[in-house]
Amino acid sequence: MHGRPGARAMSQEAVLDLAAIWLRRAEWQPTLFANELRRLDLLKLEPGWPCEPFHLRIHRNQAFEFVASVLGPFLAFGGRRAEIAYSDYDDSLALHVEGRADVDLLWLDFERYRDRLAPRELVAWLLERVQSLRARSEAPILVADCAATDAAAQELNDGLRNLAQVVPGVRIVPLSQIGAELGARTFDRRAARVTGMTLSDAACLRAARALGLVWLPAALAPRLKAIALDLDNTLYSGVLGEDGPAGLQLTAMHLELQRKLLRLREQGVFLALASRNEKVDVDRLFAERPDMPLRPEHFSATSIAFRAKASGLREIAAELRIGVDALLFVEDNPGEMAVVATEVPGVKMLHAADPALTARALDFYPGLQGYPPGRDDLRRVADVAASAQREQAARSAQSPEAYLRSLEVVLTFATNRRADLERLAELSNKTNQFNTAFLRLSEAQVAKRLADPLCRTISVSLRDRLSDSGIVGALFLRQASSTLVADEIVISCRALGRNVEHAIVTEALRRALEELPASEVRFAFREGPRNGPARAFLAEYAGRAPGADGVSVSWDPGRAARLFERLPVTVVHEEGS
């Protein structure tokens, strides 16, 4: 590869393309994140970058085409393109749409059922239809709720939210929020004979934005894990080094921007600082400007120095133990964005040209919204904050066993617990370093395994004296004749520094083998871009490196007992439910 002529030139072209792509995306922001969307402006946007296709099936009784016609720019901003297959107009929701689906969308005009079904009856019927779809498809299912705001519509929408708790992998697209925002402008019933739908053009544009920037990206990919923020002319107006803390302007929209960032942090998204300033000046800023909602303790990582921000962003990602592709960089300087695009491929970026637009963008940026709240998300920030104390304990401990003893580690195992379904699917989809197979299991696929008598899915929670990390591991196991197959083992990077991988895997296997007896354990393995830790673990555990078919070991019933004789770890088992 190194000797091929033109390889360097191709690389330079690719670098230039990355910068151009992100600058072009920045130019799109005023159109995509506008308070009032304009169809003609949206139709002018043509991406000059490759977009990954996915298959979207629409099950409907009303037109979707007026939404689909402007869906493209919103999806393209996040690098995606929809290939859409439509059902006929069908009040019975027969679910007859040919072809595969990466996402299924139920797009219904609920007014067509009002004369026949009360809200509760309509929800019961829809539950049966969604369960039927789930039996045929493992893809995420989106159900658009009712955009009306009257009492009957509210009762219906409350029922739909309950429906989403019953069927795995179902999310409700809240058209009701659009109805609340637009009020009387939500519907255009006079045009319904022509358009085939009662929603107004303004409602269709907002629905396209919600689907293209929020709900479809959330159905297709894990959430972004961190936001790295510039300071000057981003979180306030002014330049700290020139204006001093007192000379910086904190407008109402800057305050709103900072409060939205705090709300994202409360949902488990890390905040970080990436600023070209002197640290002493930044310390003065926070000391002298108590009116700033964001405080130093809200940032899980910082890079404050007069150096390339690309280096700082890489260090922030490493400190948070995430990939740069899970990081959003918010910056006001297009030149800085271009450099970061070329030097840190994969990082996401948001141009902070205007605080009001930036604040609105946080409501829609792909990968930030549309995810169900998880109890383990809320623990993530506090858990990382405790990592410095753990590192200090590791440095001062005389041995790995002494380190574990000082932490007072407790591992809790639960088998086939349905309450853990969302977190199990999340771990399968988000974990990269300790992931043995990259199955990327959907909630529907996890639910099938939970119901299969030949499968055992074990969740592992971790806590120590410094923090409760919640569910950090999952083993997806299956009996095949005299072999127990570990189809996938995933352990969050937050657990890796505590040297509990052997304890997690060995105790989970021991428990599963009590119910699914086998003389051999086979670990499936698939090479990934960053799963070196998983490969190294399997090589150590089995005594040889995994091949294309994984690696097998004969099960020694005494292995767990010998391990826990020397590991000072408390093990707890909870019943699944």
Protein backbone atom coordinates (compact mmCIF):
# COMPACT_ATOMS: atom_id res chain seq x y z
CA MET A 1 0.00 0.00 0.00
CA HIS A 2 2.79 2.39 0.91
CA GLY A 3 4.45 1.86 -2.46
CA ARG A 4 1.44 2.59 -4.62
CA PRO A 5 1.81 5.82 -6.60
CA GLY A 6 -1.12 8.17 -6.07
CA ALA A 7 -2.00 6.78 -2.65
CA ARG A 8 -0.89 10.01 -0.95
CA ALA A 9 -2.80 12.13 -3.49
CA MET A 10 -5.96 10.07 -2.88
CA SER A 11 -5.55 10.53 0.84
CA GLN A 12 -5.17 14.29 0.42
CA GLU A 13 -8.30 14.40 -1.73
CA ALA A 14 -10.22 12.48 0.94
CA VAL A 15 -9.00 14.92 3.59
CA LEU A 16 -10.11 17.91 1.55
CA ASP A 17 -13.48 16.25 0.96
CA LEU A 18 -14.04 15.82 4.70
CA ALA A 19 -13.45 19.51 5.33
CA ALA A 20 -15.72 20.52 2.45
CA ILE A 21 -18.47 18.17 3.60
CA TRP A 22 -18.61 19.56 7.12
CA LEU A 23 -18.47 23.14 5.92
CA ARG A 24 -21.33 22.39 3.54
CA ARG A 25 -23.30 20.84 6.39
CA ALA A 26 -22.70 24.01 8.41
CA GLU A 27 -24.22 26.02 5.54
CA TRP A 28 -27.34 23.83 5.74
CA GLN A 29 -27.95 24.50 9.44
CA PRO A 30 -29.97 27.75 9.12
CA THR A 31 -32.38 25.97 6.77
CA LEU A 32 -32.70 22.69 8.70
CA PHE A 33 -32.93 24.21 12.18
CA ALA A 34 -35.04 27.24 11.25
CA ASN A 35 -37.97 28.13 13.48
CA GLU A 36 -40.17 28.29 10.38
CA LEU A 37 -39.27 25.66 7.78
CA ARG A 38 -39.70 26.49 4.08
CA ARG A 39 -40.34 23.73 1.55
CA LEU A 40 -38.64 25.50 -1.37
CA ASP A 41 -35.50 26.12 0.67
CA LEU A 42 -35.36 22.48 1.72
CA LEU A 43 -35.84 21.22 -1.83
CA LYS A 44 -32.77 23.18 -2.93
CA LEU A 45 -30.49 21.20 -0.60
CA GLU A 46 -28.58 18.46 -2.41
CA PRO A 47 -25.91 16.55 -0.47
CA GLY A 48 -22.46 16.43 -2.02
CA TRP A 49 -21.43 13.52 0.16
CA PRO A 50 -22.26 9.80 0.25
CA CYS A 51 -25.33 8.80 2.23
CA GLU A 52 -25.88 5.31 3.64
CA PRO A 53 -29.17 3.80 2.39
CA PHE A 54 -31.69 2.11 4.67
CA HIS A 55 -35.09 0.51 4.05
CA LEU A 56 -38.15 2.26 5.46
CA ARG A 57 -41.57 0.60 5.23
CA ILE A 58 -44.64 2.82 5.62
CA HIS A 59 -47.89 1.22 6.86
CA ARG A 60 -50.55 3.87 6.35
CA ASN A 61 -54.08 5.02 5.75
CA GLN A 62 -53.07 8.52 4.60
CA ALA A 63 -50.49 10.09 2.31
CA PHE A 64 -46.88 10.22 3.45
CA GLU A 65 -45.50 11.57 0.19
CA PHE A 66 -45.69 15.23 1.30
CA VAL A 67 -43.42 14.34 4.23
CA ALA A 68 -41.17 12.06 2.17
CA SER A 69 -40.54 14.77 -0.43
CA VAL A 70 -38.59 16.84 2.12
CA LEU A 71 -37.30 14.01 4.29
CA GLY A 72 -34.12 13.66 2.22
CA PRO A 73 -32.20 16.78 3.37
CA PHE A 74 -32.80 16.03 7.03
CA LEU A 75 -31.60 12.44 6.65
CA ALA A 76 -28.66 13.53 4.48
CA PHE A 77 -27.44 15.88 7.22
CA GLY A 78 -26.79 12.74 9.27
CA GLY A 79 -25.41 10.81 6.31
CA ARG A 80 -28.45 8.63 5.53
CA ARG A 81 -30.85 8.07 2.66
CA ALA A 82 -34.23 6.29 2.84
CA GLU A 83 -35.46 3.74 0.33
CA ILE A 84 -39.20 3.79 1.00
CA ALA A 85 -41.77 1.05 0.41
CA TYR A 86 -45.44 2.00 0.85
CA SER A 87 -48.54 0.05 1.76
CA ASP A 88 -51.83 0.81 0.08
CA TYR A 89 -54.16 3.24 1.88
CA ASP A 90 -55.48 0.76 4.41
CA ASP A 91 -57.63 1.49 7.47
CA SER A 92 -57.46 -2.20 8.42
CA LEU A 93 -53.65 -2.03 8.66
CA ALA A 94 -53.16 -5.38 6.96
CA LEU A 95 -49.34 -4.85 6.99
CA HIS A 96 -48.91 -5.99 3.39
CA VAL A 97 -45.71 -4.24 2.36
CA GLU A 98 -43.14 -6.16 0.33
CA GLY A 99 -39.42 -6.10 0.96
CA ARG A 100 -37.12 -5.90 3.94
CA ALA A 101 -37.23 -3.19 6.58
CA ASP A 102 -34.62 -1.49 8.70
CA VAL A 103 -37.45 0.58 10.21
CA ASP A 104 -41.24 0.19 10.09
CA LEU A 105 -43.40 3.32 10.45
CA LEU A 106 -47.12 3.36 11.21
CA TRP A 107 -48.53 6.55 9.70
CA LEU A 108 -52.23 6.84 10.46
CA ASP A 109 -54.97 9.44 10.30
CA PHE A 110 -56.71 8.58 13.57
CA GLU A 111 -59.72 10.75 12.75
CA ARG A 112 -60.81 8.03 10.32
CA TYR A 113 -61.52 5.72 13.30
CA ARG A 114 -63.30 8.20 15.60
CA ASP A 115 -66.83 7.29 14.57
CA ARG A 116 -66.16 3.56 14.99
CA LEU A 117 -63.82 3.12 17.95
CA ALA A 118 -63.37 4.86 21.30
CA PRO A 119 -59.76 5.74 22.13
CA ARG A 120 -59.34 2.72 24.42
CA GLU A 121 -60.74 0.37 21.78
CA LEU A 122 -58.51 1.91 19.13
CA VAL A 123 -55.42 1.39 21.30
CA ALA A 124 -56.39 -2.25 21.92
CA TRP A 125 -56.79 -2.83 18.17
CA LEU A 126 -53.50 -1.09 17.43
CA LEU A 127 -51.75 -3.22 20.06
CA GLU A 128 -52.87 -6.35 18.23
CA ARG A 129 -51.69 -4.92 14.89
CA VAL A 130 -48.30 -3.86 16.29
CA GLN A 131 -47.81 -7.27 17.90
CA SER A 132 -48.60 -8.85 14.54
CA LEU A 133 -46.00 -6.64 12.88
CA ARG A 134 -43.48 -7.47 15.59
CA ALA A 135 -44.01 -11.18 14.93
CA ARG A 136 -43.03 -10.59 11.27
CA SER A 137 -40.28 -8.01 11.68
CA GLU A 138 -37.35 -7.53 14.05
CA ALA A 139 -36.88 -3.94 12.85
CA PRO A 140 -37.61 -0.97 15.12
CA ILE A 141 -41.24 0.13 14.87
CA LEU A 142 -42.16 3.82 14.94
CA VAL A 143 -45.79 4.79 15.57
CA ALA A 144 -46.74 8.39 14.81
CA ASP A 145 -49.28 9.54 17.40
CA CYS A 146 -52.29 11.82 16.90
CA ALA A 147 -51.47 15.46 16.15
CA ALA A 148 -54.79 16.71 17.54
CA THR A 149 -54.86 18.13 21.06
CA ASP A 150 -58.47 17.51 22.22
CA ALA A 151 -59.31 15.22 25.14
CA ALA A 152 -59.99 12.16 22.96
CA ALA A 153 -56.65 12.60 21.19
CA GLN A 154 -54.84 12.94 24.51
CA GLU A 155 -56.46 9.73 25.77
CA LEU A 156 -55.42 7.97 22.59
CA ASN A 157 -51.85 9.22 22.81
CA ASP A 158 -51.58 8.17 26.45
CA GLY A 159 -52.64 4.68 25.36
CA LEU A 160 -50.06 4.66 22.58
CA ARG A 161 -47.30 5.46 25.06
CA ASN A 162 -48.42 2.51 27.17
CA LEU A 163 -48.42 0.34 24.04
CA ALA A 164 -44.76 1.17 23.51
CA GLN A 165 -44.01 -0.27 26.96
CA VAL A 166 -45.64 -3.58 26.04
CA VAL A 167 -44.10 -4.38 22.64
CA PRO A 168 -40.28 -4.39 22.43
CA GLY A 169 -38.59 -2.04 20.00
CA VAL A 170 -41.55 0.34 19.60
CA ARG A 171 -41.15 4.13 19.80
CA ILE A 172 -43.86 6.78 19.59
CA VAL A 173 -43.21 9.69 17.22
CA PRO A 174 -44.89 12.64 18.97
CA LEU A 175 -46.82 14.46 16.25
CA SER A 176 -48.81 15.74 19.23
CA GLN A 177 -45.86 18.03 20.03
CA ILE A 178 -46.10 19.49 16.55
CA GLY A 179 -49.84 19.97 17.08
CA ALA A 180 -49.17 21.82 20.32
CA GLU A 181 -46.60 24.05 18.60
CA LEU A 182 -48.69 24.90 15.53
CA GLY A 183 -52.14 25.03 17.11
CA ALA A 184 -54.74 25.89 14.49
CA ARG A 185 -52.08 25.65 11.76
CA THR A 186 -51.66 21.89 12.31
CA PHE A 187 -54.42 20.80 9.93
CA ASP A 188 -55.55 21.82 6.46
CA ARG A 189 -58.75 19.86 5.92
CA ARG A 190 -59.75 21.86 2.85
CA ALA A 191 -56.76 20.49 0.97
CA ALA A 192 -57.28 16.91 2.14
CA ARG A 193 -59.11 15.85 -1.04
CA VAL A 194 -56.04 16.80 -3.05
CA THR A 195 -53.25 15.82 -0.67
CA GLY A 196 -54.77 12.64 0.78
CA MET A 197 -54.08 13.83 4.33
CA THR A 198 -55.39 16.38 6.80
CA LEU A 199 -52.01 17.60 8.05
CA SER A 200 -50.99 21.06 6.84
CA ASP A 201 -47.81 21.75 4.90
CA ALA A 202 -46.27 23.31 8.02
CA ALA A 203 -47.03 20.12 9.99
CA CYS A 204 -45.60 17.93 7.21
CA LEU A 205 -42.34 19.92 7.21
CA ARG A 206 -41.98 19.59 10.98
CA ALA A 207 -42.83 15.90 10.83
CA ALA A 208 -40.11 15.43 8.20
CA ARG A 209 -37.60 17.19 10.45
CA ALA A 210 -38.59 15.15 13.50
CA LEU A 211 -38.35 11.90 11.57
CA GLY A 212 -35.22 12.74 9.58
CA LEU A 213 -33.14 14.26 12.37
CA VAL A 214 -34.47 12.57 15.50
CA TRP A 215 -36.60 9.45 15.30
CA LEU A 216 -35.15 7.58 12.33
CA PRO A 217 -31.51 8.19 13.39
CA ALA A 218 -32.41 7.07 16.93
CA ALA A 219 -33.94 3.87 15.55
CA LEU A 220 -30.86 3.13 13.43
CA ALA A 221 -27.87 4.01 15.62
CA PRO A 222 -26.82 4.44 19.26
CA ARG A 223 -26.85 7.79 20.98
CA LEU A 224 -23.89 10.16 20.86
CA LYS A 225 -22.02 9.89 24.14
CA ALA A 226 -20.40 13.31 24.57
CA ILE A 227 -20.50 16.97 23.50
CA ALA A 228 -17.22 18.91 23.41
CA LEU A 229 -17.77 22.65 23.61
CA ASP A 230 -15.78 25.66 22.55
CA LEU A 231 -16.03 28.65 24.89
CA ASP A 232 -15.47 31.94 23.02
CA ASN A 233 -18.43 33.08 20.92
CA THR A 234 -20.14 29.75 21.61
CA LEU A 235 -21.25 29.67 25.24
CA TYR A 236 -21.19 33.47 25.35
CA SER A 237 -20.39 36.42 23.05
CA GLY A 238 -16.82 37.65 23.25
CA VAL A 239 -13.25 36.47 23.56
CA LEU A 240 -12.16 35.62 27.08
CA GLY A 241 -8.48 36.45 26.56
CA GLU A 242 -9.29 39.91 25.17
CA ASP A 243 -12.51 40.96 26.92
CA GLY A 244 -11.96 39.36 30.31
CA PRO A 245 -14.78 37.67 32.23
CA ALA A 246 -16.62 40.93 32.90
CA GLY A 247 -16.65 41.93 29.23
CA LEU A 248 -18.34 38.75 27.97
CA GLN A 249 -22.01 38.96 26.99
CA LEU A 250 -24.34 36.24 28.22
CA THR A 251 -27.61 36.73 26.36
CA ALA A 252 -30.93 35.03 27.05
CA MET A 253 -30.25 32.56 24.22
CA HIS A 254 -26.78 31.75 25.59
CA LEU A 255 -28.47 30.95 28.90
CA GLU A 256 -31.01 28.75 27.12
CA LEU A 257 -28.20 26.99 25.24
CA GLN A 258 -26.35 26.24 28.46
CA ARG A 259 -29.50 24.98 30.19
CA LYS A 260 -30.20 22.61 27.29
CA LEU A 261 -26.67 21.28 27.58
CA LEU A 262 -27.26 20.67 31.28
CA ARG A 263 -30.46 18.75 30.50
CA LEU A 264 -28.52 16.53 28.09
CA ARG A 265 -25.94 15.91 30.80
CA GLU A 266 -28.74 14.86 33.16
CA GLN A 267 -29.71 12.31 30.50
CA GLY A 268 -26.22 10.79 30.55
CA VAL A 269 -24.46 12.72 27.76
CA PHE A 270 -20.95 13.79 28.82
CA LEU A 271 -20.00 17.45 28.52
CA ALA A 272 -16.39 18.46 27.79
CA LEU A 273 -14.50 21.68 27.16
CA ALA A 274 -12.20 22.14 24.16
CA SER A 275 -10.92 25.72 24.29
CA ARG A 276 -7.92 27.72 23.08
CA ASN A 277 -7.50 29.73 26.29
CA GLU A 278 -5.21 29.91 29.26
CA LYS A 279 -6.41 27.70 32.10
CA VAL A 280 -5.99 30.53 34.59
CA ASP A 281 -8.34 32.67 32.49
CA VAL A 282 -10.93 29.89 32.33
CA ASP A 283 -10.73 29.48 36.10
CA ARG A 284 -11.34 33.23 36.45
CA LEU A 285 -14.30 32.99 34.08
CA PHE A 286 -16.14 30.50 36.25
CA ALA A 287 -15.13 32.27 39.47
CA GLU A 288 -16.26 35.73 38.32
CA ARG A 289 -19.33 34.78 36.26
CA PRO A 290 -21.68 32.88 38.58
CA ASP A 291 -24.51 33.75 36.16
CA MET A 292 -23.30 31.00 33.82
CA PRO A 293 -25.47 27.86 34.33
CA LEU A 294 -22.58 25.62 33.26
CA ARG A 295 -20.03 25.17 36.04
CA PRO A 296 -16.61 23.43 36.10
CA GLU A 297 -18.05 20.34 37.80
CA HIS A 298 -20.38 19.77 34.85
CA PHE A 299 -17.49 18.93 32.50
CA SER A 300 -16.27 15.34 32.60
CA ALA A 301 -13.14 16.14 30.56
CA THR A 302 -11.34 19.33 29.49
CA SER A 303 -8.71 20.38 26.98
CA ILE A 304 -7.78 24.01 27.69
CA ALA A 305 -4.56 25.11 25.97
CA PHE A 306 -3.22 27.06 22.99
CA ARG A 307 -2.86 24.05 20.71
CA ALA A 308 -4.71 22.25 17.95
CA LYS A 309 -8.23 21.35 19.01
CA ALA A 310 -7.95 18.11 17.08
CA SER A 311 -5.41 16.85 19.63
CA GLY A 312 -7.62 17.98 22.48
CA LEU A 313 -10.66 16.18 21.07
CA ARG A 314 -8.73 12.93 20.73
CA GLU A 315 -7.60 13.25 24.35
CA ILE A 316 -11.15 13.99 25.50
CA ALA A 317 -12.43 10.86 23.72
CA ALA A 318 -9.65 8.77 25.26
CA GLU A 319 -10.33 10.14 28.76
CA LEU A 320 -14.03 9.36 28.43
CA ARG A 321 -13.21 5.96 26.87
CA ILE A 322 -15.36 6.57 23.81
CA GLY A 323 -14.70 6.61 20.09
CA VAL A 324 -14.41 9.97 18.35
CA ASP A 325 -17.44 8.94 16.28
CA ALA A 326 -19.52 9.20 19.48
CA LEU A 327 -18.43 12.82 20.04
CA LEU A 328 -20.16 16.04 18.93
CA PHE A 329 -17.91 19.11 18.68
CA VAL A 330 -19.69 22.51 18.99
CA GLU A 331 -17.52 25.32 17.56
CA ASP A 332 -18.09 28.83 16.15
CA ASN A 333 -15.02 28.97 13.87
CA PRO A 334 -15.48 27.27 10.45
CA GLY A 335 -11.72 27.17 9.96
CA GLU A 336 -11.31 25.22 13.18
CA MET A 337 -14.08 22.87 12.07
CA ALA A 338 -12.30 22.22 8.77
CA VAL A 339 -9.06 21.30 10.56
CA VAL A 340 -10.87 18.99 12.98
CA ALA A 341 -12.72 17.33 10.09
CA THR A 342 -9.44 16.47 8.38
CA GLU A 343 -7.51 15.41 11.48
CA VAL A 344 -10.24 13.63 13.49
CA PRO A 345 -12.34 11.72 10.92
CA GLY A 346 -15.61 10.48 12.36
CA VAL A 347 -16.22 13.29 14.85
CA LYS A 348 -19.60 15.02 14.50
CA MET A 349 -19.76 18.83 14.39
CA LEU A 350 -22.21 21.65 14.96
CA HIS A 351 -21.43 25.19 13.81
CA ALA A 352 -22.30 27.57 16.66
CA ALA A 353 -22.84 30.67 14.54
CA ASP A 354 -25.85 31.89 16.52
CA PRO A 355 -26.88 30.88 20.08
CA ALA A 356 -30.60 30.65 19.24
CA LEU A 357 -29.94 28.39 16.25
CA THR A 358 -27.43 26.32 18.22
CA ALA A 359 -29.90 25.85 21.08
CA ARG A 360 -32.58 24.73 18.61
CA ALA A 361 -30.10 22.40 16.91
CA LEU A 362 -29.59 20.55 20.19
CA ASP A 363 -33.28 19.58 20.02
CA PHE A 364 -32.77 17.96 16.62
CA TYR A 365 -29.13 17.01 16.08
CA PRO A 366 -29.01 13.34 14.95
CA GLY A 367 -27.95 11.08 17.79
CA LEU A 368 -28.90 13.38 20.67
CA GLN A 369 -32.68 13.02 21.01
CA GLY A 370 -35.30 10.31 20.55
CA TYR A 371 -33.81 7.75 22.92
CA PRO A 372 -35.74 6.28 25.86
CA PRO A 373 -34.41 7.35 29.25
CA GLY A 374 -32.38 4.60 30.86
CA ARG A 375 -31.41 4.33 34.50
CA ASP A 376 -27.86 3.38 33.50
CA ASP A 377 -27.51 6.50 31.32
CA LEU A 378 -28.08 8.64 34.40
CA ARG A 379 -25.29 6.80 36.25
CA ARG A 380 -22.71 7.19 33.50
CA VAL A 381 -21.55 10.72 34.27
CA ALA A 382 -21.17 10.07 38.00
CA ASP A 383 -19.37 6.81 37.28
CA VAL A 384 -16.75 8.49 35.10
CA ALA A 385 -16.28 11.18 37.73
CA ALA A 386 -15.23 8.41 40.15
CA SER A 387 -12.70 6.95 37.71
CA ALA A 388 -9.90 9.28 38.89
CA GLN A 389 -10.31 7.93 42.42
CA ARG A 390 -10.15 4.37 41.11
CA GLU A 391 -6.97 5.14 39.17
CA GLN A 392 -5.41 6.52 42.34
CA ALA A 393 -6.43 3.38 44.22
CA ALA A 394 -4.91 1.20 41.48
CA ARG A 395 -1.60 3.07 41.64
CA SER A 396 -1.34 2.77 45.40
CA ALA A 397 -2.49 -0.88 45.67
CA GLN A 398 0.18 -3.54 46.16
CA SER A 399 -1.58 -6.07 43.93
CA PRO A 400 -4.66 -6.41 41.68
CA GLU A 401 -6.38 -8.34 44.46
CA ALA A 402 -5.64 -5.55 46.96
CA TYR A 403 -7.03 -3.03 44.48
CA LEU A 404 -10.29 -4.95 44.14
CA ARG A 405 -10.53 -5.40 47.88
CA SER A 406 -10.18 -1.64 48.38
CA LEU A 407 -13.04 -0.99 45.94
CA GLU A 408 -15.48 -3.40 47.64
CA VAL A 409 -16.81 -4.63 44.29
CA VAL A 410 -20.26 -6.22 44.05
CA LEU A 411 -21.36 -8.03 40.88
CA THR A 412 -25.09 -8.73 40.46
CA PHE A 413 -26.26 -11.29 37.90
CA ALA A 414 -29.79 -11.61 36.49
CA THR A 415 -30.92 -14.21 33.95
CA ASN A 416 -33.54 -13.52 31.26
CA ARG A 417 -34.84 -10.44 33.08
CA ARG A 418 -37.24 -8.63 30.76
CA ALA A 419 -36.87 -5.38 32.70
CA ASP A 420 -33.28 -5.21 31.38
CA LEU A 421 -34.28 -5.59 27.72
CA GLU A 422 -33.56 -2.03 26.57
CA ARG A 423 -30.21 -1.91 28.34
CA LEU A 424 -29.21 -5.32 26.92
CA ALA A 425 -29.93 -4.13 23.38
CA GLU A 426 -28.13 -0.86 24.10
CA LEU A 427 -24.99 -2.68 25.26
CA SER A 428 -25.02 -4.89 22.16
CA ASN A 429 -25.28 -1.84 19.92
CA LYS A 430 -23.01 0.64 21.70
CA THR A 431 -20.13 -1.47 23.01
CA ASN A 432 -17.07 -1.60 20.76
CA GLN A 433 -13.96 -2.43 22.80
CA PHE A 434 -15.16 -5.50 24.69
CA ASN A 435 -17.57 -6.91 22.13
CA THR A 436 -16.90 -10.44 20.94
CA ALA A 437 -19.28 -10.66 17.98
CA PHE A 438 -20.88 -7.30 17.03
CA LEU A 439 -24.34 -8.84 16.64
CA ARG A 440 -25.92 -5.40 17.22
CA LEU A 441 -29.07 -7.02 18.55
CA SER A 442 -32.31 -5.06 18.33
CA GLU A 443 -34.79 -4.99 21.21
CA ALA A 444 -36.99 -7.41 19.26
CA GLN A 445 -34.08 -9.84 18.82
CA VAL A 446 -33.22 -9.64 22.51
CA ALA A 447 -36.88 -10.26 23.39
CA LYS A 448 -36.87 -13.43 21.28
CA ARG A 449 -33.81 -14.69 23.11
CA LEU A 450 -35.43 -13.96 26.47
CA ALA A 451 -38.40 -16.13 25.45
CA ASP A 452 -36.34 -18.99 23.96
CA PRO A 453 -35.98 -21.94 26.40
CA LEU A 454 -32.61 -22.83 24.87
CA CYS A 455 -31.17 -19.35 25.43
CA ARG A 456 -29.95 -17.59 28.53
CA THR A 457 -29.30 -13.85 28.48
CA ILE A 458 -27.47 -12.69 31.56
CA SER A 459 -27.15 -9.06 32.62
CA VAL A 460 -24.36 -8.06 34.98
CA SER A 461 -24.49 -5.00 37.23
CA LEU A 462 -21.45 -3.53 38.95
CA ARG A 463 -21.10 -1.31 41.97
CA ASP A 464 -18.26 -0.40 44.28
CA ARG A 465 -17.73 1.97 47.19
CA LEU A 466 -17.25 4.91 44.78
CA SER A 467 -20.28 4.57 42.49
CA ASP A 468 -23.06 2.35 41.20
CA SER A 469 -22.31 1.66 37.53
CA GLY A 470 -25.57 -0.16 36.82
CA ILE A 471 -25.69 -2.84 34.12
CA VAL A 472 -22.23 -3.00 32.52
CA GLY A 473 -22.21 -6.44 30.93
CA ALA A 474 -24.33 -8.88 28.96
CA LEU A 475 -23.80 -12.47 27.88
CA PHE A 476 -26.03 -13.84 25.12
CA LEU A 477 -25.82 -17.63 25.53
CA ARG A 478 -27.42 -20.54 23.69
CA GLN A 479 -27.42 -24.32 24.11
CA ALA A 480 -26.46 -26.33 21.02
CA SER A 481 -26.33 -30.05 21.78
CA SER A 482 -23.50 -30.59 24.29
CA THR A 483 -22.09 -27.09 23.76
CA LEU A 484 -22.99 -23.79 25.37
CA VAL A 485 -22.47 -21.12 22.71
CA ALA A 486 -21.61 -17.58 23.80
CA ASP A 487 -23.06 -15.82 20.75
CA GLU A 488 -21.92 -12.46 22.13
CA ILE A 489 -20.30 -11.08 25.26
CA VAL A 490 -20.27 -7.32 25.80
CA ILE A 491 -18.77 -5.42 28.72
CA SER A 492 -18.91 -1.63 28.96
CA CYS A 493 -15.59 0.18 28.85
CA ARG A 494 -16.50 1.69 32.23
CA ALA A 495 -15.96 -1.74 33.81
CA LEU A 496 -12.71 -2.64 32.08
CA GLY A 497 -10.40 -0.74 34.43
CA ARG A 498 -11.56 -2.73 37.44
CA ASN A 499 -10.22 -6.14 36.32
CA VAL A 500 -13.51 -7.96 36.74
CA GLU A 501 -13.86 -9.43 33.24
CA HIS A 502 -12.90 -12.97 34.33
CA ALA A 503 -15.31 -12.80 37.26
CA ILE A 504 -18.16 -11.57 35.03
CA VAL A 505 -17.72 -14.21 32.33
CA THR A 506 -16.92 -17.17 34.60
CA GLU A 507 -19.79 -16.66 37.04
CA ALA A 508 -22.28 -16.02 34.22
CA LEU A 509 -21.21 -19.22 32.46
CA ARG A 510 -21.38 -21.20 35.70
CA ARG A 511 -24.93 -20.00 36.33
CA ALA A 512 -26.09 -20.70 32.75
CA LEU A 513 -24.57 -24.19 32.78
CA GLU A 514 -26.63 -25.07 35.84
CA GLU A 515 -29.74 -24.73 33.65
CA LEU A 516 -28.28 -25.64 30.24
CA PRO A 517 -25.73 -28.41 30.93
CA ALA A 518 -22.86 -28.68 28.49
CA SER A 519 -19.33 -30.04 28.48
CA GLU A 520 -17.92 -27.34 26.21
CA VAL A 521 -18.24 -23.59 25.84
CA ARG A 522 -17.73 -22.03 22.41
CA PHE A 523 -17.13 -18.31 22.15
CA ALA A 524 -18.18 -16.79 18.83
CA PHE A 525 -15.83 -14.06 17.67
CA ARG A 526 -15.85 -11.40 14.98
CA GLU A 527 -12.99 -9.00 14.41
CA GLY A 528 -13.91 -5.33 14.76
CA PRO A 529 -12.05 -2.04 14.45
CA ARG A 530 -11.62 -1.55 18.20
CA ASN A 531 -12.34 -4.86 19.95
CA GLY A 532 -8.75 -5.73 20.77
CA PRO A 533 -9.64 -6.05 24.49
CA ALA A 534 -12.25 -8.72 23.70
CA ARG A 535 -9.81 -10.67 21.51
CA ALA A 536 -7.08 -10.49 24.16
CA PHE A 537 -9.50 -11.67 26.85
CA LEU A 538 -10.67 -14.69 24.82
CA ALA A 539 -7.08 -15.63 24.01
CA GLU A 540 -6.21 -15.57 27.71
CA TYR A 541 -9.39 -17.33 28.80
CA ALA A 542 -9.12 -20.14 26.24
CA GLY A 543 -5.35 -20.36 26.09
CA ARG A 544 -5.28 -19.60 22.36
CA ALA A 545 -6.40 -16.81 20.06
CA PRO A 546 -9.88 -16.99 18.54
CA GLY A 547 -10.15 -17.83 14.86
CA ALA A 548 -12.86 -17.22 12.30
CA ASP A 549 -15.09 -19.74 14.11
CA GLY A 550 -14.28 -18.32 17.52
CA VAL A 551 -12.66 -20.45 20.19
CA SER A 552 -13.82 -23.32 22.42
CA VAL A 553 -12.90 -24.49 25.91
CA SER A 554 -13.81 -27.59 27.88
CA TRP A 555 -15.80 -26.46 30.89
CA ASP A 556 -14.15 -27.08 34.24
CA PRO A 557 -16.80 -27.01 37.01
CA GLY A 558 -14.18 -25.95 39.53
CA ARG A 559 -13.02 -22.92 37.56
CA ALA A 560 -15.38 -20.48 39.22
CA ALA A 561 -14.59 -21.69 42.75
CA ARG A 562 -10.84 -21.32 42.22
CA LEU A 563 -11.27 -17.87 40.69
CA PHE A 564 -13.34 -16.47 43.53
CA GLU A 565 -11.03 -17.92 46.14
CA ARG A 566 -8.47 -15.29 45.14
CA LEU A 567 -10.72 -12.49 43.81
CA PRO A 568 -12.26 -10.35 46.60
CA VAL A 569 -15.53 -9.79 44.76
CA THR A 570 -19.03 -10.19 46.16
CA VAL A 571 -21.45 -12.05 43.87
CA VAL A 572 -25.24 -11.60 44.04
CA HIS A 573 -27.87 -13.36 41.93
CA GLU A 574 -31.31 -11.85 41.32
CA GLU A 575 -34.36 -13.49 39.84
CA GLY A 576 -35.36 -12.58 36.30
CA SER A 577 -38.71 -10.92 35.67
